[in-house]
């Protein structure tokens, strides 16, 4: 896919305050984190990783605008959701709105995790997208690193899609009681050949 490069900040300014630009949403996923989860795929990514699972998420153009409060209500209305996963696209390009959403669902007792193509060190640097610190403060789990096709892991049981990616337990889910009812190593069971990766 050959996309015309755009300045993501100009496109991000088109998203009204209090809204997210998303590619998709599902409830009750059991393959995108611990327990039964809501999953939000945000729109927009600059990486264009070869063999990306979601190339339709790359453009920063408006796809589906949804109010954060509406999405929170949708997530909380499903009693099966024990957590929320952010994927994409690149979630950290929309960090302020996702931090707002994460705060609200955590206040209701859900856990929050995110995939990112950035490394944790990049997210903590001065060059990180706006609002990254607030989103990191809300996360329980972070899986970082771009997908690298030559380092791909072809196992439905793997926590990561390629060997360069890392799992960071930012908060202690077991102690908090927020949805960590199964061991971390078992939370990424995917049907063979299927799954959503960053």
C-alpha atoms as a PDB file:
ATOM      1  CA  UNK A   1       0.000   0.000   0.000  1.00  0.00           C
ATOM      2  CA  UNK A   2       1.481   3.342  -1.007  1.00  0.00           C
ATOM      3  CA  UNK A   3       0.024   6.143   1.072  1.00  0.00           C
ATOM      4  CA  UNK A   4       0.669   9.784   0.496  1.00  0.00           C
ATOM      5  CA  UNK A   5       2.469  11.012   3.589  1.00  0.00           C
ATOM      6  CA  UNK A   6       0.622  13.658   5.554  1.00  0.00           C
ATOM      7  CA  UNK A   7       1.494  15.550   8.682  1.00  0.00           C
ATOM      8  CA  UNK A   8      -0.434  13.600  11.314  1.00  0.00           C
ATOM      9  CA  UNK A   9      -0.812  16.666  13.526  1.00  0.00           C
ATOM     10  CA  UNK A  10      -2.824  18.485  10.851  1.00  0.00           C
ATOM     11  CA  UNK A  11      -5.175  15.509  10.501  1.00  0.00           C
ATOM     12  CA  UNK A  12      -5.375  15.023  14.274  1.00  0.00           C
ATOM     13  CA  UNK A  13      -6.555  18.630  14.605  1.00  0.00           C
ATOM     14  CA  UNK A  14      -9.654  17.626  12.602  1.00  0.00           C
ATOM     15  CA  UNK A  15     -10.770  15.360  15.468  1.00  0.00           C
ATOM     16  CA  UNK A  16     -13.057  17.349  17.780  1.00  0.00           C
ATOM     17  CA  UNK A  17     -12.061  17.533  21.446  1.00  0.00           C
ATOM     18  CA  UNK A  18     -13.650  14.659  23.343  1.00  0.00           C
ATOM     19  CA  UNK A  19     -13.778  12.373  20.287  1.00  0.00           C
ATOM     20  CA  UNK A  20     -11.730   9.502  18.884  1.00  0.00           C
ATOM     21  CA  UNK A  21     -11.141   8.648  15.230  1.00  0.00           C
ATOM     22  CA  UNK A  22     -11.382   4.861  15.131  1.00  0.00           C
ATOM     23  CA  UNK A  23     -11.088   2.078  12.587  1.00  0.00           C
ATOM     24  CA  UNK A  24     -13.187  -0.358  14.606  1.00  0.00           C
ATOM     25  CA  UNK A  25     -14.560  -1.619  17.900  1.00  0.00           C
ATOM     26  CA  UNK A  26     -15.569  -5.024  19.319  1.00  0.00           C
ATOM     27  CA  UNK A  27     -16.885  -6.296  22.654  1.00  0.00           C
ATOM     28  CA  UNK A  28     -16.081  -9.563  24.418  1.00  0.00           C
ATOM     29  CA  UNK A  29     -12.748 -10.263  22.697  1.00  0.00           C
ATOM     30  CA  UNK A  30     -10.790 -13.003  24.407  1.00  0.00           C
ATOM     31  CA  UNK A  31      -7.719 -12.766  22.152  1.00  0.00           C
ATOM     32  CA  UNK A  32      -6.572  -9.180  22.761  1.00  0.00           C
ATOM     33  CA  UNK A  33      -5.638  -9.240  26.442  1.00  0.00           C
ATOM     34  CA  UNK A  34      -6.597 -10.812  29.754  1.00  0.00           C
ATOM     35  CA  UNK A  35     -10.228 -11.793  30.208  1.00  0.00           C
ATOM     36  CA  UNK A  36     -13.094 -10.619  28.051  1.00  0.00           C
ATOM     37  CA  UNK A  37     -12.322  -7.187  26.614  1.00  0.00           C
ATOM     38  CA  UNK A  38     -13.546  -4.304  24.558  1.00  0.00           C
ATOM     39  CA  UNK A  39     -11.044  -3.548  21.781  1.00  0.00           C
ATOM     40  CA  UNK A  40     -10.654  -0.172  20.088  1.00  0.00           C
ATOM     41  CA  UNK A  41      -8.632   0.086  16.866  1.00  0.00           C
ATOM     42  CA  UNK A  42      -7.688   3.729  16.331  1.00  0.00           C
ATOM     43  CA  UNK A  43      -7.200   5.294  12.911  1.00  0.00           C
ATOM     44  CA  UNK A  44      -3.755   6.538  11.852  1.00  0.00           C
ATOM     45  CA  UNK A  45      -0.221   5.133  11.776  1.00  0.00           C
ATOM     46  CA  UNK A  46       2.982   6.334  10.114  1.00  0.00           C
ATOM     47  CA  UNK A  47       4.894   3.039  10.314  1.00  0.00           C
ATOM     48  CA  UNK A  48       3.378   1.097   7.399  1.00  0.00           C
ATOM     49  CA  UNK A  49       4.971  -2.133   8.654  1.00  0.00           C
ATOM     50  CA  UNK A  50       5.260  -4.785   5.927  1.00  0.00           C
ATOM     51  CA  UNK A  51       2.621  -7.507   6.515  1.00  0.00           C
ATOM     52  CA  UNK A  52       0.722  -5.302   8.977  1.00  0.00           C
ATOM     53  CA  UNK A  53      -2.537  -6.930  10.072  1.00  0.00           C
ATOM     54  CA  UNK A  54      -4.435  -3.626   9.765  1.00  0.00           C
ATOM     55  CA  UNK A  55      -3.143  -1.587   6.784  1.00  0.00           C
ATOM     56  CA  UNK A  56      -6.573   0.047   6.492  1.00  0.00           C
ATOM     57  CA  UNK A  57      -5.749   1.763   9.797  1.00  0.00           C
ATOM     58  CA  UNK A  58      -2.750   3.651   8.370  1.00  0.00           C
ATOM     59  CA  UNK A  59      -4.406   6.798   6.902  1.00  0.00           C
ATOM     60  CA  UNK A  60      -5.035   9.625   9.355  1.00  0.00           C
ATOM     61  CA  UNK A  61      -8.165  10.748   7.496  1.00  0.00           C
ATOM     62  CA  UNK A  62     -11.385  10.724   9.490  1.00  0.00           C
ATOM     63  CA  UNK A  63     -12.913   7.232   9.465  1.00  0.00           C
ATOM     64  CA  UNK A  64     -15.360   6.817  12.378  1.00  0.00           C
ATOM     65  CA  UNK A  65     -15.652   9.695  14.812  1.00  0.00           C
ATOM     66  CA  UNK A  66     -17.064   8.634  18.150  1.00  0.00           C
ATOM     67  CA  UNK A  67     -17.489  10.633  21.321  1.00  0.00           C
ATOM     68  CA  UNK A  68     -15.331   9.295  24.175  1.00  0.00           C
ATOM     69  CA  UNK A  69     -18.255   9.381  26.618  1.00  0.00           C
ATOM     70  CA  UNK A  70     -20.427   7.404  24.177  1.00  0.00           C
ATOM     71  CA  UNK A  71     -17.710   4.781  23.787  1.00  0.00           C
ATOM     72  CA  UNK A  72     -17.280   4.546  27.574  1.00  0.00           C
ATOM     73  CA  UNK A  73     -21.024   3.940  27.952  1.00  0.00           C
ATOM     74  CA  UNK A  74     -20.889   1.263  25.263  1.00  0.00           C
ATOM     75  CA  UNK A  75     -17.955  -0.494  26.960  1.00  0.00           C
ATOM     76  CA  UNK A  76     -19.511  -0.366  30.426  1.00  0.00           C
ATOM     77  CA  UNK A  77     -22.920  -1.500  29.183  1.00  0.00           C
ATOM     78  CA  UNK A  78     -21.492  -4.935  28.431  1.00  0.00           C
ATOM     79  CA  UNK A  79     -21.029  -6.800  31.732  1.00  0.00           C
ATOM     80  CA  UNK A  80     -18.700  -9.312  30.039  1.00  0.00           C
ATOM     81  CA  UNK A  81     -15.991  -6.669  29.492  1.00  0.00           C
ATOM     82  CA  UNK A  82     -13.323  -6.911  32.211  1.00  0.00           C
ATOM     83  CA  UNK A  83     -10.875  -4.669  30.377  1.00  0.00           C
ATOM     84  CA  UNK A  84     -10.166  -2.516  27.348  1.00  0.00           C
ATOM     85  CA  UNK A  85      -7.408  -2.877  24.736  1.00  0.00           C
ATOM     86  CA  UNK A  86      -6.176  -0.065  22.475  1.00  0.00           C
ATOM     87  CA  UNK A  87      -4.742  -1.122  19.119  1.00  0.00           C
ATOM     88  CA  UNK A  88      -4.600   0.345  15.683  1.00  0.00           C
ATOM     89  CA  UNK A  89      -3.274   2.196  13.895  1.00  0.00           C
ATOM     90  CA  UNK A  90      -1.117   3.808  16.559  1.00  0.00           C
ATOM     91  CA  UNK A  91      -3.002   4.500  19.793  1.00  0.00           C
ATOM     92  CA  UNK A  92      -0.497   7.029  21.094  1.00  0.00           C
ATOM     93  CA  UNK A  93      -1.293   9.504  18.296  1.00  0.00           C
ATOM     94  CA  UNK A  94      -4.663   9.934  20.056  1.00  0.00           C
ATOM     95  CA  UNK A  95      -3.277   9.695  23.595  1.00  0.00           C
ATOM     96  CA  UNK A  96      -5.286  12.538  25.235  1.00  0.00           C
ATOM     97  CA  UNK A  97      -8.691  11.103  24.254  1.00  0.00           C
ATOM     98  CA  UNK A  98      -7.612   7.535  25.092  1.00  0.00           C
ATOM     99  CA  UNK A  99      -6.316   8.680  28.504  1.00  0.00           C
ATOM    100  CA  UNK A 100      -9.729  10.229  29.181  1.00  0.00           C
ATOM    101  CA  UNK A 101     -11.468   6.994  28.173  1.00  0.00           C
ATOM    102  CA  UNK A 102      -9.026   4.889  30.231  1.00  0.00           C
ATOM    103  CA  UNK A 103      -9.611   7.001  33.350  1.00  0.00           C
ATOM    104  CA  UNK A 104     -13.361   6.496  33.094  1.00  0.00           C
ATOM    105  CA  UNK A 105     -13.307   2.723  32.520  1.00  0.00           C
ATOM    106  CA  UNK A 106     -10.699   2.214  35.246  1.00  0.00           C
ATOM    107  CA  UNK A 107     -12.913   4.122  37.684  1.00  0.00           C
ATOM    108  CA  UNK A 108     -15.559   1.481  36.872  1.00  0.00           C
ATOM    109  CA  UNK A 109     -13.108  -1.339  37.682  1.00  0.00           C
ATOM    110  CA  UNK A 110     -11.817  -2.353  34.237  1.00  0.00           C
ATOM    111  CA  UNK A 111      -8.141  -2.795  33.347  1.00  0.00           C
ATOM    112  CA  UNK A 112      -6.535  -1.105  30.341  1.00  0.00           C
ATOM    113  CA  UNK A 113      -3.786  -2.209  27.990  1.00  0.00           C
ATOM    114  CA  UNK A 114      -2.360  -0.831  24.787  1.00  0.00           C
ATOM    115  CA  UNK A 115      -0.288  -1.935  21.845  1.00  0.00           C
ATOM    116  CA  UNK A 116       2.140   0.580  20.336  1.00  0.00           C
ATOM    117  CA  UNK A 117       4.718   0.658  17.565  1.00  0.00           C
ATOM    118  CA  UNK A 118       6.782   3.034  19.682  1.00  0.00           C
ATOM    119  CA  UNK A 119       9.227   1.714  22.268  1.00  0.00           C
ATOM    120  CA  UNK A 120       8.566   2.650  25.879  1.00  0.00           C
ATOM    121  CA  UNK A 121      11.754   4.724  25.767  1.00  0.00           C
ATOM    122  CA  UNK A 122      10.435   6.685  22.755  1.00  0.00           C
ATOM    123  CA  UNK A 123       7.147   7.271  24.548  1.00  0.00           C
ATOM    124  CA  UNK A 124       9.032   8.710  27.527  1.00  0.00           C
ATOM    125  CA  UNK A 125      11.140  11.024  25.340  1.00  0.00           C
ATOM    126  CA  UNK A 126      10.571  14.685  24.498  1.00  0.00           C
ATOM    127  CA  UNK A 127       9.725  13.710  20.892  1.00  0.00           C
ATOM    128  CA  UNK A 128       6.704  11.590  21.860  1.00  0.00           C
ATOM    129  CA  UNK A 129       3.213  12.565  20.667  1.00  0.00           C
ATOM    130  CA  UNK A 130       1.185  14.931  22.849  1.00  0.00           C
ATOM    131  CA  UNK A 131      -0.466  13.481  25.955  1.00  0.00           C
ATOM    132  CA  UNK A 132       1.571  10.278  26.105  1.00  0.00           C
ATOM    133  CA  UNK A 133       2.406  10.610  29.808  1.00  0.00           C
ATOM    134  CA  UNK A 134      -1.267  10.791  30.792  1.00  0.00           C
ATOM    135  CA  UNK A 135      -2.068   7.659  28.803  1.00  0.00           C
ATOM    136  CA  UNK A 136       0.913   5.738  30.199  1.00  0.00           C
ATOM    137  CA  UNK A 137      -0.264   6.651  33.709  1.00  0.00           C
ATOM    138  CA  UNK A 138      -3.592   4.905  33.012  1.00  0.00           C
ATOM    139  CA  UNK A 139      -2.226   1.668  31.510  1.00  0.00           C
ATOM    140  CA  UNK A 140      -1.941  -1.652  33.280  1.00  0.00           C
ATOM    141  CA  UNK A 141      -0.165  -3.402  30.374  1.00  0.00           C
ATOM    142  CA  UNK A 142       1.811  -1.996  27.443  1.00  0.00           C
ATOM    143  CA  UNK A 143       3.068  -4.045  24.498  1.00  0.00           C
ATOM    144  CA  UNK A 144       5.652  -1.961  22.668  1.00  0.00           C
ATOM    145  CA  UNK A 145       7.661  -2.156  19.463  1.00  0.00           C
ATOM    146  CA  UNK A 146       6.848  -2.075  15.776  1.00  0.00           C
ATOM    147  CA  UNK A 147       5.916  -5.300  14.007  1.00  0.00           C
ATOM    148  CA  UNK A 148       9.011  -6.574  12.151  1.00  0.00           C
ATOM    149  CA  UNK A 149       8.158  -9.206   9.555  1.00  0.00           C
ATOM    150  CA  UNK A 150      11.621 -10.825   9.596  1.00  0.00           C
ATOM    151  CA  UNK A 151      11.260 -11.327  13.381  1.00  0.00           C
ATOM    152  CA  UNK A 152       7.680 -12.623  13.203  1.00  0.00           C
ATOM    153  CA  UNK A 153       6.508 -15.191  15.722  1.00  0.00           C
ATOM    154  CA  UNK A 154       4.033 -17.574  14.145  1.00  0.00           C
ATOM    155  CA  UNK A 155       2.352 -18.882  17.257  1.00  0.00           C
ATOM    156  CA  UNK A 156      -1.197 -18.230  18.420  1.00  0.00           C
ATOM    157  CA  UNK A 157       0.061 -18.457  22.019  1.00  0.00           C
ATOM    158  CA  UNK A 158       2.639 -15.656  21.726  1.00  0.00           C
ATOM    159  CA  UNK A 159       2.154 -12.439  23.649  1.00  0.00           C
ATOM    160  CA  UNK A 160       3.800 -10.502  20.834  1.00  0.00           C
ATOM    161  CA  UNK A 161       3.776 -10.665  17.031  1.00  0.00           C
ATOM    162  CA  UNK A 162       7.531 -10.249  16.512  1.00  0.00           C
ATOM    163  CA  UNK A 163      10.568 -10.954  18.705  1.00  0.00           C
ATOM    164  CA  UNK A 164      11.500  -7.274  19.135  1.00  0.00           C
ATOM    165  CA  UNK A 165       8.234  -6.463  20.933  1.00  0.00           C
ATOM    166  CA  UNK A 166       8.061  -6.337  24.731  1.00  0.00           C
ATOM    167  CA  UNK A 167       5.346  -6.743  27.359  1.00  0.00           C
ATOM    168  CA  UNK A 168       5.399  -4.192  30.195  1.00  0.00           C
ATOM    169  CA  UNK A 169       3.277  -4.786  33.285  1.00  0.00           C
ATOM    170  CA  UNK A 170       2.791  -1.204  34.358  1.00  0.00           C
ATOM    171  CA  UNK A 171       0.287  -1.896  37.126  1.00  0.00           C
ATOM    172  CA  UNK A 172      -0.206  -5.028  39.208  1.00  0.00           C
ATOM    173  CA  UNK A 173      -3.477  -6.391  37.860  1.00  0.00           C
ATOM    174  CA  UNK A 174      -3.643  -9.303  40.269  1.00  0.00           C
ATOM    175  CA  UNK A 175      -3.413  -6.993  43.265  1.00  0.00           C
ATOM    176  CA  UNK A 176      -5.899  -4.512  41.825  1.00  0.00           C
ATOM    177  CA  UNK A 177      -8.508  -7.152  41.017  1.00  0.00           C
ATOM    178  CA  UNK A 178      -9.215  -5.562  37.616  1.00  0.00           C
ATOM    179  CA  UNK A 179      -9.911  -8.536  35.413  1.00  0.00           C
ATOM    180  CA  UNK A 180      -6.704 -10.525  35.833  1.00  0.00           C
ATOM    181  CA  UNK A 181      -8.353 -13.884  36.461  1.00  0.00           C
ATOM    182  CA  UNK A 182      -5.994 -15.905  34.291  1.00  0.00           C
ATOM    183  CA  UNK A 183      -2.193 -16.041  34.072  1.00  0.00           C
ATOM    184  CA  UNK A 184      -0.605 -13.401  31.842  1.00  0.00           C
ATOM    185  CA  UNK A 185       1.030 -16.044  29.672  1.00  0.00           C
ATOM    186  CA  UNK A 186      -2.394 -17.446  28.784  1.00  0.00           C
ATOM    187  CA  UNK A 187      -4.120 -14.244  27.805  1.00  0.00           C
ATOM    188  CA  UNK A 188      -3.203 -14.227  24.123  1.00  0.00           C
ATOM    189  CA  UNK A 189      -4.609 -17.550  22.994  1.00  0.00           C
ATOM    190  CA  UNK A 190      -5.644 -17.005  19.381  1.00  0.00           C
ATOM    191  CA  UNK A 191      -7.154 -19.363  16.849  1.00  0.00           C
ATOM    192  CA  UNK A 192      -4.320 -20.574  14.622  1.00  0.00           C
ATOM    193  CA  UNK A 193      -3.385 -17.996  12.014  1.00  0.00           C
ATOM    194  CA  UNK A 194      -5.689 -15.317  13.405  1.00  0.00           C
ATOM    195  CA  UNK A 195      -5.309 -12.405  15.741  1.00  0.00           C
ATOM    196  CA  UNK A 196      -4.962  -8.692  16.006  1.00  0.00           C
ATOM    197  CA  UNK A 197      -1.492  -7.314  16.508  1.00  0.00           C
ATOM    198  CA  UNK A 198      -0.194  -3.754  16.685  1.00  0.00           C
END
